[in-house]
């Protein structure tokens, strides 16, 4: 399952640089997470790095985007292959 950023976001800017997949970006009002790029840091780290650094704990799992660890690893591998091809 991908992560999401709630309206509790204070736009502190600490999560965006922590994302190894560049899935976090500034939306119209708060930071947002692209679920097509979010692997919950599977393939990079044991824990989602954005959740670790968020000072207001506004980055829960997105219930609308359910994925198994295996699916997250496949997404990670796809993203890595795409990055190498660029």
N, C-alpha and C. Protein backbone atom coordinates (compact mmCIF):
# COMPACT_ATOMS: atom_id res chain seq x y z
N UNK A 1 0.86 -1.16 0.00
CA UNK A 1 0.00 0.00 0.00
C UNK A 1 0.90 1.23 0.00
N UNK A 2 0.54 2.19 -0.77
CA UNK A 2 1.31 3.43 -0.82
C UNK A 2 0.97 4.28 0.41
N UNK A 3 1.73 5.31 0.59
CA UNK A 3 1.49 6.24 1.69
C UNK A 3 0.75 7.46 1.14
N UNK A 4 0.22 8.26 2.05
CA UNK A 4 -0.45 9.49 1.68
C UNK A 4 -0.14 10.55 2.72
N UNK A 5 -0.29 11.80 2.34
CA UNK A 5 -0.07 12.91 3.27
C UNK A 5 -1.42 13.55 3.54
N UNK A 6 -1.75 13.69 4.82
CA UNK A 6 -3.05 14.24 5.20
C UNK A 6 -3.02 15.76 5.28
N UNK A 7 -4.18 16.33 5.50
CA UNK A 7 -4.31 17.78 5.63
C UNK A 7 -3.60 18.34 6.86
N UNK A 8 -3.11 17.47 7.73
CA UNK A 8 -2.36 17.93 8.90
C UNK A 8 -0.95 18.38 8.54
N UNK A 9 -0.56 18.19 7.28
CA UNK A 9 0.78 18.57 6.81
C UNK A 9 1.01 20.06 7.07
N UNK A 10 2.20 20.38 7.59
CA UNK A 10 2.56 21.77 7.87
C UNK A 10 3.58 22.31 6.86
N UNK A 11 3.78 21.58 5.77
CA UNK A 11 4.71 22.01 4.70
C UNK A 11 6.10 22.33 5.24
N UNK A 12 6.61 21.47 6.09
CA UNK A 12 7.92 21.71 6.71
C UNK A 12 9.08 21.35 5.79
N UNK A 13 8.81 20.66 4.70
CA UNK A 13 9.82 20.32 3.69
C UNK A 13 10.78 19.20 4.07
N UNK A 14 10.57 18.50 5.16
CA UNK A 14 11.54 17.46 5.53
C UNK A 14 11.30 16.13 4.82
N UNK A 15 10.08 15.83 4.41
CA UNK A 15 9.79 14.54 3.81
C UNK A 15 10.28 14.42 2.37
N UNK A 16 10.12 15.48 1.59
CA UNK A 16 10.42 15.42 0.15
C UNK A 16 11.83 14.92 -0.15
N UNK A 17 12.87 15.49 0.46
CA UNK A 17 14.22 15.01 0.14
C UNK A 17 14.53 13.61 0.67
N UNK A 18 13.74 13.11 1.59
CA UNK A 18 13.99 11.78 2.15
C UNK A 18 13.49 10.66 1.25
N UNK A 19 12.61 10.97 0.31
CA UNK A 19 12.02 9.93 -0.54
C UNK A 19 12.99 9.47 -1.61
N UNK A 20 13.42 8.20 -1.56
CA UNK A 20 14.39 7.72 -2.54
C UNK A 20 13.79 7.54 -3.94
N UNK A 21 12.46 7.53 -4.04
CA UNK A 21 11.80 7.34 -5.33
C UNK A 21 11.27 8.64 -5.93
N UNK A 22 11.51 9.76 -5.24
CA UNK A 22 11.00 11.06 -5.68
C UNK A 22 9.48 11.04 -5.87
N UNK A 23 8.80 10.33 -4.96
CA UNK A 23 7.34 10.22 -5.03
C UNK A 23 6.64 11.39 -4.35
N UNK A 24 7.36 12.15 -3.54
CA UNK A 24 6.77 13.26 -2.80
C UNK A 24 7.01 14.57 -3.55
N UNK A 25 5.95 15.32 -3.71
CA UNK A 25 6.04 16.59 -4.42
C UNK A 25 5.08 17.60 -3.79
N UNK A 26 5.31 18.87 -4.05
CA UNK A 26 4.45 19.92 -3.52
C UNK A 26 3.19 19.99 -4.37
N UNK A 27 2.05 19.78 -3.74
CA UNK A 27 0.77 19.90 -4.41
C UNK A 27 0.28 21.34 -4.33
N UNK A 28 -0.99 21.55 -4.66
CA UNK A 28 -1.53 22.91 -4.63
C UNK A 28 -1.46 23.57 -3.24
N UNK A 29 -1.63 22.78 -2.17
CA UNK A 29 -1.60 23.36 -0.83
C UNK A 29 -0.64 22.67 0.13
N UNK A 30 -0.50 21.36 -0.01
CA UNK A 30 0.38 20.58 0.86
C UNK A 30 1.17 19.60 0.00
N UNK A 31 2.13 18.96 0.63
CA UNK A 31 2.87 17.92 -0.09
C UNK A 31 1.95 16.75 -0.38
N UNK A 32 2.23 16.06 -1.47
CA UNK A 32 1.44 14.90 -1.89
C UNK A 32 2.40 13.78 -2.25
N UNK A 33 1.87 12.56 -2.33
CA UNK A 33 2.67 11.39 -2.69
C UNK A 33 2.06 10.74 -3.92
N UNK A 34 2.90 10.51 -4.92
CA UNK A 34 2.47 9.82 -6.14
C UNK A 34 2.47 8.32 -5.83
N UNK A 35 1.29 7.69 -5.76
CA UNK A 35 1.25 6.27 -5.40
C UNK A 35 1.92 5.36 -6.43
N UNK A 36 2.07 5.84 -7.66
CA UNK A 36 2.76 5.04 -8.67
C UNK A 36 4.26 4.99 -8.44
N UNK A 37 4.78 5.90 -7.62
CA UNK A 37 6.21 5.91 -7.31
C UNK A 37 6.52 5.46 -5.88
N UNK A 38 5.51 5.48 -5.01
CA UNK A 38 5.74 5.14 -3.60
C UNK A 38 5.85 3.64 -3.41
N UNK A 39 6.97 3.20 -2.85
CA UNK A 39 7.17 1.79 -2.53
C UNK A 39 7.26 1.58 -1.02
N UNK A 40 6.88 2.60 -0.24
CA UNK A 40 7.04 2.57 1.22
C UNK A 40 8.51 2.32 1.58
N UNK A 41 9.39 2.71 0.69
CA UNK A 41 10.84 2.54 0.82
C UNK A 41 11.31 1.09 0.70
N UNK A 42 10.41 0.19 0.31
CA UNK A 42 10.81 -1.20 0.05
C UNK A 42 11.89 -1.17 -1.04
N UNK A 43 12.96 -1.90 -0.82
CA UNK A 43 14.08 -1.90 -1.75
C UNK A 43 15.17 -0.92 -1.36
N UNK A 44 14.82 0.05 -0.53
CA UNK A 44 15.78 1.06 -0.09
C UNK A 44 16.05 0.96 1.42
N UNK A 45 14.97 0.94 2.20
CA UNK A 45 15.08 0.97 3.67
C UNK A 45 14.05 0.03 4.28
N UNK A 46 14.22 -0.26 5.55
CA UNK A 46 13.28 -1.11 6.28
C UNK A 46 11.98 -0.39 6.63
N UNK A 47 12.06 0.92 6.83
CA UNK A 47 10.90 1.73 7.22
C UNK A 47 10.73 2.88 6.24
N UNK A 48 9.49 3.31 5.99
CA UNK A 48 9.29 4.50 5.15
C UNK A 48 9.98 5.72 5.77
N UNK A 49 10.89 6.29 5.04
CA UNK A 49 11.69 7.39 5.57
C UNK A 49 10.88 8.66 5.83
N UNK A 50 9.88 8.92 5.00
CA UNK A 50 9.06 10.12 5.22
C UNK A 50 8.32 10.03 6.54
N UNK A 51 7.82 8.84 6.88
CA UNK A 51 7.14 8.67 8.17
C UNK A 51 8.11 8.90 9.32
N UNK A 52 9.35 8.49 9.15
CA UNK A 52 10.34 8.63 10.21
C UNK A 52 10.67 10.08 10.52
N UNK A 53 10.67 10.93 9.50
CA UNK A 53 11.09 12.32 9.71
C UNK A 53 9.94 13.30 9.91
N UNK A 54 8.72 12.90 9.62
CA UNK A 54 7.58 13.82 9.71
C UNK A 54 7.33 14.23 11.16
N UNK A 55 7.40 15.53 11.46
CA UNK A 55 7.23 15.99 12.84
C UNK A 55 5.78 15.98 13.33
N UNK A 56 4.82 15.87 12.41
CA UNK A 56 3.41 15.89 12.83
C UNK A 56 2.69 14.58 12.54
N UNK A 57 3.42 13.56 12.15
CA UNK A 57 2.85 12.22 11.90
C UNK A 57 1.62 12.26 10.99
N UNK A 58 1.77 12.92 9.85
CA UNK A 58 0.63 13.06 8.93
C UNK A 58 0.79 12.21 7.67
N UNK A 59 1.58 11.12 7.75
CA UNK A 59 1.81 10.28 6.58
C UNK A 59 1.40 8.83 6.89
N UNK A 60 0.10 8.55 6.83
CA UNK A 60 -0.37 7.18 7.07
C UNK A 60 -0.34 6.36 5.77
N UNK A 61 -0.66 5.09 5.91
CA UNK A 61 -0.82 4.24 4.74
C UNK A 61 -2.11 4.65 4.04
N UNK A 62 -2.10 4.60 2.73
CA UNK A 62 -3.26 4.98 1.93
C UNK A 62 -4.17 3.76 1.76
N UNK A 63 -5.34 3.73 2.42
CA UNK A 63 -6.21 2.56 2.34
C UNK A 63 -6.77 2.32 0.95
N UNK A 64 -6.73 3.32 0.09
CA UNK A 64 -7.25 3.16 -1.27
C UNK A 64 -6.20 2.55 -2.21
N UNK A 65 -5.00 2.35 -1.72
CA UNK A 65 -3.90 1.88 -2.58
C UNK A 65 -3.20 0.71 -1.89
N UNK A 66 -3.82 -0.45 -1.90
CA UNK A 66 -3.29 -1.62 -1.20
C UNK A 66 -2.33 -2.41 -2.10
N UNK A 67 -1.15 -2.69 -1.56
CA UNK A 67 -0.14 -3.47 -2.27
C UNK A 67 0.60 -4.35 -1.26
N UNK A 68 0.93 -5.55 -1.70
CA UNK A 68 1.71 -6.45 -0.85
C UNK A 68 3.18 -6.05 -0.92
N UNK A 69 3.97 -6.59 -0.01
CA UNK A 69 5.42 -6.31 -0.03
C UNK A 69 6.02 -6.77 -1.36
N UNK A 70 5.53 -7.88 -1.89
CA UNK A 70 6.02 -8.38 -3.18
C UNK A 70 5.69 -7.40 -4.31
N UNK A 71 4.49 -6.85 -4.29
CA UNK A 71 4.11 -5.86 -5.31
C UNK A 71 4.95 -4.59 -5.17
N UNK A 72 5.21 -4.19 -3.94
CA UNK A 72 6.06 -3.01 -3.71
C UNK A 72 7.47 -3.26 -4.23
N UNK A 73 7.99 -4.47 -4.04
CA UNK A 73 9.33 -4.80 -4.54
C UNK A 73 9.34 -4.80 -6.07
N UNK A 74 8.28 -5.31 -6.68
CA UNK A 74 8.19 -5.28 -8.14
C UNK A 74 8.16 -3.84 -8.65
N UNK A 75 7.43 -2.98 -7.96
CA UNK A 75 7.37 -1.56 -8.34
C UNK A 75 8.75 -0.93 -8.20
N UNK A 76 9.44 -1.23 -7.08
CA UNK A 76 10.80 -0.73 -6.86
C UNK A 76 11.71 -1.15 -8.03
N UNK A 77 11.64 -2.41 -8.42
CA UNK A 77 12.49 -2.92 -9.51
C UNK A 77 12.17 -2.22 -10.83
N UNK A 78 10.88 -1.99 -11.09
CA UNK A 78 10.45 -1.27 -12.29
C UNK A 78 10.98 0.16 -12.28
N UNK A 79 10.86 0.83 -11.15
CA UNK A 79 11.34 2.20 -11.04
C UNK A 79 12.86 2.27 -11.23
N UNK A 80 13.57 1.31 -10.68
CA UNK A 80 15.03 1.28 -10.81
C UNK A 80 15.43 1.03 -12.26
N UNK A 81 14.74 0.13 -12.93
CA UNK A 81 15.04 -0.16 -14.34
C UNK A 81 14.78 1.07 -15.20
N UNK A 82 13.71 1.79 -14.90
CA UNK A 82 13.40 3.01 -15.63
C UNK A 82 14.43 4.09 -15.39
N UNK A 83 14.93 4.19 -14.18
CA UNK A 83 15.94 5.19 -13.84
C UNK A 83 17.25 4.91 -14.57
N UNK A 84 17.58 3.64 -14.69
CA UNK A 84 18.83 3.27 -15.38
C UNK A 84 18.73 3.50 -16.89
N UNK A 85 17.50 3.36 -17.43
CA UNK A 85 17.30 3.54 -18.87
C UNK A 85 17.35 5.02 -19.26
N UNK A 86 17.10 5.90 -18.29
CA UNK A 86 17.07 7.35 -18.62
C UNK A 86 18.44 7.92 -18.74
